[in-house]
Amino acid sequence: MNSAVQISLRLYEEKYKEDLLAFELPPEQAEFTGLPEETLSEAVANPGKTAVVIVQEEQAVGFFVLHRGEGIADFYPNTTGAILLRAFLINYASQGQGIAKAALVVLPDFISTHFPWVREIVLAVNERNIAAASLYSRAGFLDKGLRRSGGKGPQKVLQYGLDKPLAEMHSSSGIM
């Protein structure tokens, strides 16, 4: 995999909407995350959520939502200083290029720039979503034993402290 993939994270703008609404995922991935057509409107309308676009060569290739405040209490009890990464996905047509890894590498700096009060990134991943859990682990997210019930089964709550250096992901040969 190419460790020098060039992407950027951008706050959602209307110019990305057409690309985002055309995103597709195979059923085995769609089971675990919502496509932008399902999550974008609510993320834009909710002041506690921020829609973020993963951009490569000025085209939207990925998407996620950053959720903050009391709304994340169902996922993580310590909402002070925490932000929840949710609905993280790469469009199927752009998968296999290292885009997800590259996005997770720049995510801490992006969050520090836009949300300087955040000290920890948290996310919930379905226990059956082995590929995603492996990706997050390689990016430095830690499983400290927190669990929650999700709509599709048990979820691990993973944590990434922003005071820690990023995990070295270049040597990874696992699934994107």
C-alpha atoms as a PDB file:
ATOM      1  CA  MET A   1       0.000   0.000   0.000  1.00  0.00           C
ATOM      2  CA  ASN A   2       1.160   3.507  -0.740  1.00  0.00           C
ATOM      3  CA  SER A   3       2.101   5.254   2.511  1.00  0.00           C
ATOM      4  CA  ALA A   4       2.457   8.597   0.700  1.00  0.00           C
ATOM      5  CA  VAL A   5      -1.184   8.907  -0.320  1.00  0.00           C
ATOM      6  CA  GLN A   6      -2.160  12.585  -0.427  1.00  0.00           C
ATOM      7  CA  ILE A   7      -5.461  13.490   1.180  1.00  0.00           C
ATOM      8  CA  SER A   8      -6.834  16.347   3.222  1.00  0.00           C
ATOM      9  CA  LEU A   9      -9.627  16.638   5.741  1.00  0.00           C
ATOM     10  CA  ARG A  10     -12.078  19.459   5.130  1.00  0.00           C
ATOM     11  CA  LEU A  11     -15.118  20.731   6.937  1.00  0.00           C
ATOM     12  CA  TYR A  12     -18.185  19.848   4.885  1.00  0.00           C
ATOM     13  CA  GLU A  13     -19.138  22.296   2.146  1.00  0.00           C
ATOM     14  CA  GLU A  14     -22.077  22.041  -0.234  1.00  0.00           C
ATOM     15  CA  LYS A  15     -19.680  21.551  -3.178  1.00  0.00           C
ATOM     16  CA  TYR A  16     -18.958  18.010  -1.904  1.00  0.00           C
ATOM     17  CA  LYS A  17     -22.599  16.976  -1.595  1.00  0.00           C
ATOM     18  CA  GLU A  18     -22.956  15.405  -5.047  1.00  0.00           C
ATOM     19  CA  ASP A  19     -19.842  13.250  -4.569  1.00  0.00           C
ATOM     20  CA  LEU A  20     -20.923  12.217  -1.069  1.00  0.00           C
ATOM     21  CA  LEU A  21     -24.438  11.237  -2.089  1.00  0.00           C
ATOM     22  CA  ALA A  22     -22.992   8.982  -4.803  1.00  0.00           C
ATOM     23  CA  PHE A  23     -20.921   6.948  -2.301  1.00  0.00           C
ATOM     24  CA  GLU A  24     -21.433   3.189  -2.331  1.00  0.00           C
ATOM     25  CA  LEU A  25     -20.382   0.379  -0.032  1.00  0.00           C
ATOM     26  CA  PRO A  26     -20.715  -3.392  -0.388  1.00  0.00           C
ATOM     27  CA  PRO A  27     -23.316  -4.942   1.953  1.00  0.00           C
ATOM     28  CA  GLU A  28     -20.678  -6.389   4.298  1.00  0.00           C
ATOM     29  CA  GLN A  29     -19.418  -2.840   4.987  1.00  0.00           C
ATOM     30  CA  ALA A  30     -22.747  -0.996   4.815  1.00  0.00           C
ATOM     31  CA  GLU A  31     -23.956  -3.175   7.690  1.00  0.00           C
ATOM     32  CA  PHE A  32     -21.608  -1.307  10.039  1.00  0.00           C
ATOM     33  CA  THR A  33     -21.803   2.336   8.950  1.00  0.00           C
ATOM     34  CA  GLY A  34     -24.219   4.788   7.412  1.00  0.00           C
ATOM     35  CA  LEU A  35     -23.624   6.226   3.973  1.00  0.00           C
ATOM     36  CA  PRO A  36     -23.506  10.028   3.718  1.00  0.00           C
ATOM     37  CA  GLU A  37     -27.016   9.982   2.227  1.00  0.00           C
ATOM     38  CA  GLU A  38     -28.169   8.653   5.634  1.00  0.00           C
ATOM     39  CA  THR A  39     -25.978  10.759   7.947  1.00  0.00           C
ATOM     40  CA  LEU A  40     -25.108  14.034   6.208  1.00  0.00           C
ATOM     41  CA  SER A  41     -28.343  16.003   6.702  1.00  0.00           C
ATOM     42  CA  GLU A  42     -28.516  15.264  10.421  1.00  0.00           C
ATOM     43  CA  ALA A  43     -24.820  16.046  10.893  1.00  0.00           C
ATOM     44  CA  VAL A  44     -25.208  19.422   9.179  1.00  0.00           C
ATOM     45  CA  ALA A  45     -28.379  20.296  11.118  1.00  0.00           C
ATOM     46  CA  ASN A  46     -27.088  19.254  14.569  1.00  0.00           C
ATOM     47  CA  PRO A  47     -24.855  21.879  16.235  1.00  0.00           C
ATOM     48  CA  GLY A  48     -23.161  19.103  18.247  1.00  0.00           C
ATOM     49  CA  LYS A  49     -21.978  17.354  15.087  1.00  0.00           C
ATOM     50  CA  THR A  50     -19.488  18.337  12.413  1.00  0.00           C
ATOM     51  CA  ALA A  51     -19.431  16.691   8.986  1.00  0.00           C
ATOM     52  CA  VAL A  52     -15.910  16.159   7.635  1.00  0.00           C
ATOM     53  CA  VAL A  53     -14.933  15.224   4.092  1.00  0.00           C
ATOM     54  CA  ILE A  54     -11.827  13.273   3.133  1.00  0.00           C
ATOM     55  CA  VAL A  55     -10.628  14.877  -0.094  1.00  0.00           C
ATOM     56  CA  GLN A  56      -8.193  13.574  -2.699  1.00  0.00           C
ATOM     57  CA  GLU A  57      -7.457  15.684  -5.773  1.00  0.00           C
ATOM     58  CA  GLU A  58     -10.426  17.933  -4.911  1.00  0.00           C
ATOM     59  CA  GLN A  59     -12.847  14.996  -4.964  1.00  0.00           C
ATOM     60  CA  ALA A  60     -14.659  13.641  -1.906  1.00  0.00           C
ATOM     61  CA  VAL A  61     -13.418  10.086  -1.318  1.00  0.00           C
ATOM     62  CA  GLY A  62     -14.379   9.628   2.327  1.00  0.00           C
ATOM     63  CA  PHE A  63     -16.555  11.013   5.067  1.00  0.00           C
ATOM     64  CA  PHE A  64     -17.073  11.005   8.819  1.00  0.00           C
ATOM     65  CA  VAL A  65     -18.856  12.883  11.563  1.00  0.00           C
ATOM     66  CA  LEU A  66     -17.314  14.356  14.708  1.00  0.00           C
ATOM     67  CA  HIS A  67     -19.827  14.406  17.561  1.00  0.00           C
ATOM     68  CA  ARG A  68     -19.247  16.334  20.764  1.00  0.00           C
ATOM     69  CA  GLY A  69     -21.029  17.329  23.941  1.00  0.00           C
ATOM     70  CA  GLU A  70     -23.632  15.506  25.997  1.00  0.00           C
ATOM     71  CA  GLY A  71     -24.863  13.671  22.885  1.00  0.00           C
ATOM     72  CA  ILE A  72     -21.924  11.277  23.100  1.00  0.00           C
ATOM     73  CA  ALA A  73     -22.718  10.105  26.644  1.00  0.00           C
ATOM     74  CA  ASP A  74     -24.337   6.913  25.279  1.00  0.00           C
ATOM     75  CA  PHE A  75     -20.962   6.023  23.782  1.00  0.00           C
ATOM     76  CA  TYR A  76     -18.515   7.371  26.326  1.00  0.00           C
ATOM     77  CA  PRO A  77     -19.202   8.470  29.896  1.00  0.00           C
ATOM     78  CA  ASN A  78     -16.519  11.179  30.118  1.00  0.00           C
ATOM     79  CA  THR A  79     -17.828  13.718  27.602  1.00  0.00           C
ATOM     80  CA  THR A  80     -15.551  16.517  28.823  1.00  0.00           C
ATOM     81  CA  GLY A  81     -12.608  16.806  26.457  1.00  0.00           C
ATOM     82  CA  ALA A  82     -13.787  13.930  24.257  1.00  0.00           C
ATOM     83  CA  ILE A  83     -15.008  13.877  20.675  1.00  0.00           C
ATOM     84  CA  LEU A  84     -16.713  10.889  19.033  1.00  0.00           C
ATOM     85  CA  LEU A  85     -15.637   9.762  15.561  1.00  0.00           C
ATOM     86  CA  ARG A  86     -18.623   8.196  13.815  1.00  0.00           C
ATOM     87  CA  ALA A  87     -19.807   7.130  10.355  1.00  0.00           C
ATOM     88  CA  PHE A  88     -16.182   6.841   9.147  1.00  0.00           C
ATOM     89  CA  LEU A  89     -16.048   5.448   5.628  1.00  0.00           C
ATOM     90  CA  ILE A  90     -14.206   5.522   2.343  1.00  0.00           C
ATOM     91  CA  ASN A  91     -16.228   5.323  -0.871  1.00  0.00           C
ATOM     92  CA  TYR A  92     -15.924   1.798  -2.262  1.00  0.00           C
ATOM     93  CA  ALA A  93     -14.437   3.066  -5.550  1.00  0.00           C
ATOM     94  CA  SER A  94     -11.559   4.660  -3.601  1.00  0.00           C
ATOM     95  CA  GLN A  95     -10.792   1.811  -1.195  1.00  0.00           C
ATOM     96  CA  GLY A  96      -7.505  -0.077  -1.187  1.00  0.00           C
ATOM     97  CA  GLN A  97      -5.311   3.007  -1.671  1.00  0.00           C
ATOM     98  CA  GLY A  98      -4.457   3.733   1.964  1.00  0.00           C
ATOM     99  CA  ILE A  99      -6.901   6.647   2.199  1.00  0.00           C
ATOM    100  CA  ALA A 100      -8.441   5.505   5.490  1.00  0.00           C
ATOM    101  CA  LYS A 101      -5.006   5.174   7.089  1.00  0.00           C
ATOM    102  CA  ALA A 102      -3.916   8.557   5.761  1.00  0.00           C
ATOM    103  CA  ALA A 103      -7.080  10.189   7.120  1.00  0.00           C
ATOM    104  CA  LEU A 104      -6.528   8.707  10.578  1.00  0.00           C
ATOM    105  CA  VAL A 105      -2.913   9.927  10.560  1.00  0.00           C
ATOM    106  CA  VAL A 106      -3.958  13.565  10.000  1.00  0.00           C
ATOM    107  CA  LEU A 107      -7.103  13.372  12.155  1.00  0.00           C
ATOM    108  CA  PRO A 108      -5.420  14.363  15.463  1.00  0.00           C
ATOM    109  CA  ASP A 109      -3.997  17.571  13.947  1.00  0.00           C
ATOM    110  CA  PHE A 110      -7.334  18.361  12.303  1.00  0.00           C
ATOM    111  CA  ILE A 111      -9.143  17.947  15.613  1.00  0.00           C
ATOM    112  CA  SER A 112      -6.523  19.976  17.494  1.00  0.00           C
ATOM    113  CA  THR A 113      -6.961  22.807  14.970  1.00  0.00           C
ATOM    114  CA  HIS A 114     -10.770  22.864  14.919  1.00  0.00           C
ATOM    115  CA  PHE A 115     -11.496  21.652  18.462  1.00  0.00           C
ATOM    116  CA  PRO A 116      -8.497  22.698  20.599  1.00  0.00           C
ATOM    117  CA  TRP A 117     -10.269  21.683  23.823  1.00  0.00           C
ATOM    118  CA  VAL A 118     -10.437  18.029  22.767  1.00  0.00           C
ATOM    119  CA  ARG A 119      -8.018  15.721  24.577  1.00  0.00           C
ATOM    120  CA  GLU A 120      -9.375  12.370  23.426  1.00  0.00           C
ATOM    121  CA  ILE A 121     -10.933  10.861  20.310  1.00  0.00           C
ATOM    122  CA  VAL A 122     -13.316   7.955  20.900  1.00  0.00           C
ATOM    123  CA  LEU A 123     -15.196   5.680  18.535  1.00  0.00           C
ATOM    124  CA  ALA A 124     -17.397   2.616  18.691  1.00  0.00           C
ATOM    125  CA  VAL A 125     -16.697  -0.309  16.383  1.00  0.00           C
ATOM    126  CA  ASN A 126     -18.836  -3.414  16.074  1.00  0.00           C
ATOM    127  CA  GLU A 127     -17.029  -6.450  17.468  1.00  0.00           C
ATOM    128  CA  ARG A 128     -17.714  -8.280  14.179  1.00  0.00           C
ATOM    129  CA  ASN A 129     -16.100  -5.502  12.105  1.00  0.00           C
ATOM    130  CA  ILE A 130     -12.608  -6.986  12.294  1.00  0.00           C
ATOM    131  CA  ALA A 131     -11.163  -4.953   9.399  1.00  0.00           C
ATOM    132  CA  ALA A 132     -12.188  -1.606  10.907  1.00  0.00           C
ATOM    133  CA  ALA A 133     -11.048  -2.587  14.411  1.00  0.00           C
ATOM    134  CA  SER A 134      -7.655  -3.568  13.010  1.00  0.00           C
ATOM    135  CA  LEU A 135      -7.325  -0.268  11.132  1.00  0.00           C
ATOM    136  CA  TYR A 136      -8.176   1.761  14.231  1.00  0.00           C
ATOM    137  CA  SER A 137      -5.757  -0.269  16.338  1.00  0.00           C
ATOM    138  CA  ARG A 138      -2.918   0.331  13.853  1.00  0.00           C
ATOM    139  CA  ALA A 139      -3.745   4.053  13.992  1.00  0.00           C
ATOM    140  CA  GLY A 140      -3.170   4.086  17.746  1.00  0.00           C
ATOM    141  CA  PHE A 141      -6.709   3.699  19.099  1.00  0.00           C
ATOM    142  CA  LEU A 142      -6.693   1.652  22.298  1.00  0.00           C
ATOM    143  CA  ASP A 143      -9.190  -0.888  23.553  1.00  0.00           C
ATOM    144  CA  LYS A 144      -9.409  -0.267  27.300  1.00  0.00           C
ATOM    145  CA  GLY A 145     -12.286  -2.693  27.777  1.00  0.00           C
ATOM    146  CA  LEU A 146     -15.252  -0.337  27.367  1.00  0.00           C
ATOM    147  CA  ARG A 147     -18.235  -1.960  25.634  1.00  0.00           C
ATOM    148  CA  ARG A 148     -21.689  -0.828  24.591  1.00  0.00           C
ATOM    149  CA  SER A 149     -24.713  -2.357  22.901  1.00  0.00           C
ATOM    150  CA  GLY A 150     -25.158  -1.186  19.342  1.00  0.00           C
ATOM    151  CA  GLY A 151     -28.029  -1.648  16.934  1.00  0.00           C
ATOM    152  CA  LYS A 152     -26.076  -4.386  15.110  1.00  0.00           C
ATOM    153  CA  GLY A 153     -24.548  -6.035  18.178  1.00  0.00           C
ATOM    154  CA  PRO A 154     -21.873  -5.397  20.805  1.00  0.00           C
ATOM    155  CA  GLN A 155     -19.385  -2.618  20.167  1.00  0.00           C
ATOM    156  CA  LYS A 156     -15.890  -1.903  21.451  1.00  0.00           C
ATOM    157  CA  VAL A 157     -15.312   1.709  22.480  1.00  0.00           C
ATOM    158  CA  LEU A 158     -11.792   2.635  21.383  1.00  0.00           C
ATOM    159  CA  GLN A 159      -9.852   5.640  22.648  1.00  0.00           C
ATOM    160  CA  TYR A 160      -7.040   7.803  21.262  1.00  0.00           C
ATOM    161  CA  GLY A 161      -5.358  10.313  23.578  1.00  0.00           C
ATOM    162  CA  LEU A 162      -4.199  13.411  21.744  1.00  0.00           C
ATOM    163  CA  ASP A 163      -1.151  13.714  23.980  1.00  0.00           C
ATOM    164  CA  LYS A 164       0.262  10.520  22.454  1.00  0.00           C
ATOM    165  CA  PRO A 165       2.257  10.223  19.223  1.00  0.00           C
ATOM    166  CA  LEU A 166       0.580   8.514  16.305  1.00  0.00           C
ATOM    167  CA  ALA A 167       1.210   4.827  15.878  1.00  0.00           C
ATOM    168  CA  GLU A 168       3.568   3.966  13.060  1.00  0.00           C
ATOM    169  CA  MET A 169       1.312   2.674  10.310  1.00  0.00           C
ATOM    170  CA  HIS A 170       3.766   2.333   7.428  1.00  0.00           C
ATOM    171  CA  SER A 171       4.759  -1.251   8.210  1.00  0.00           C
ATOM    172  CA  SER A 172       1.189  -2.494   8.374  1.00  0.00           C
ATOM    173  CA  SER A 173       0.153  -5.035   5.808  1.00  0.00           C
ATOM    174  CA  GLY A 174      -3.371  -5.679   7.052  1.00  0.00           C
ATOM    175  CA  ILE A 175      -6.735  -4.958   5.504  1.00  0.00           C
ATOM    176  CA  MET A 176      -7.570  -1.346   4.802  1.00  0.00           C
END
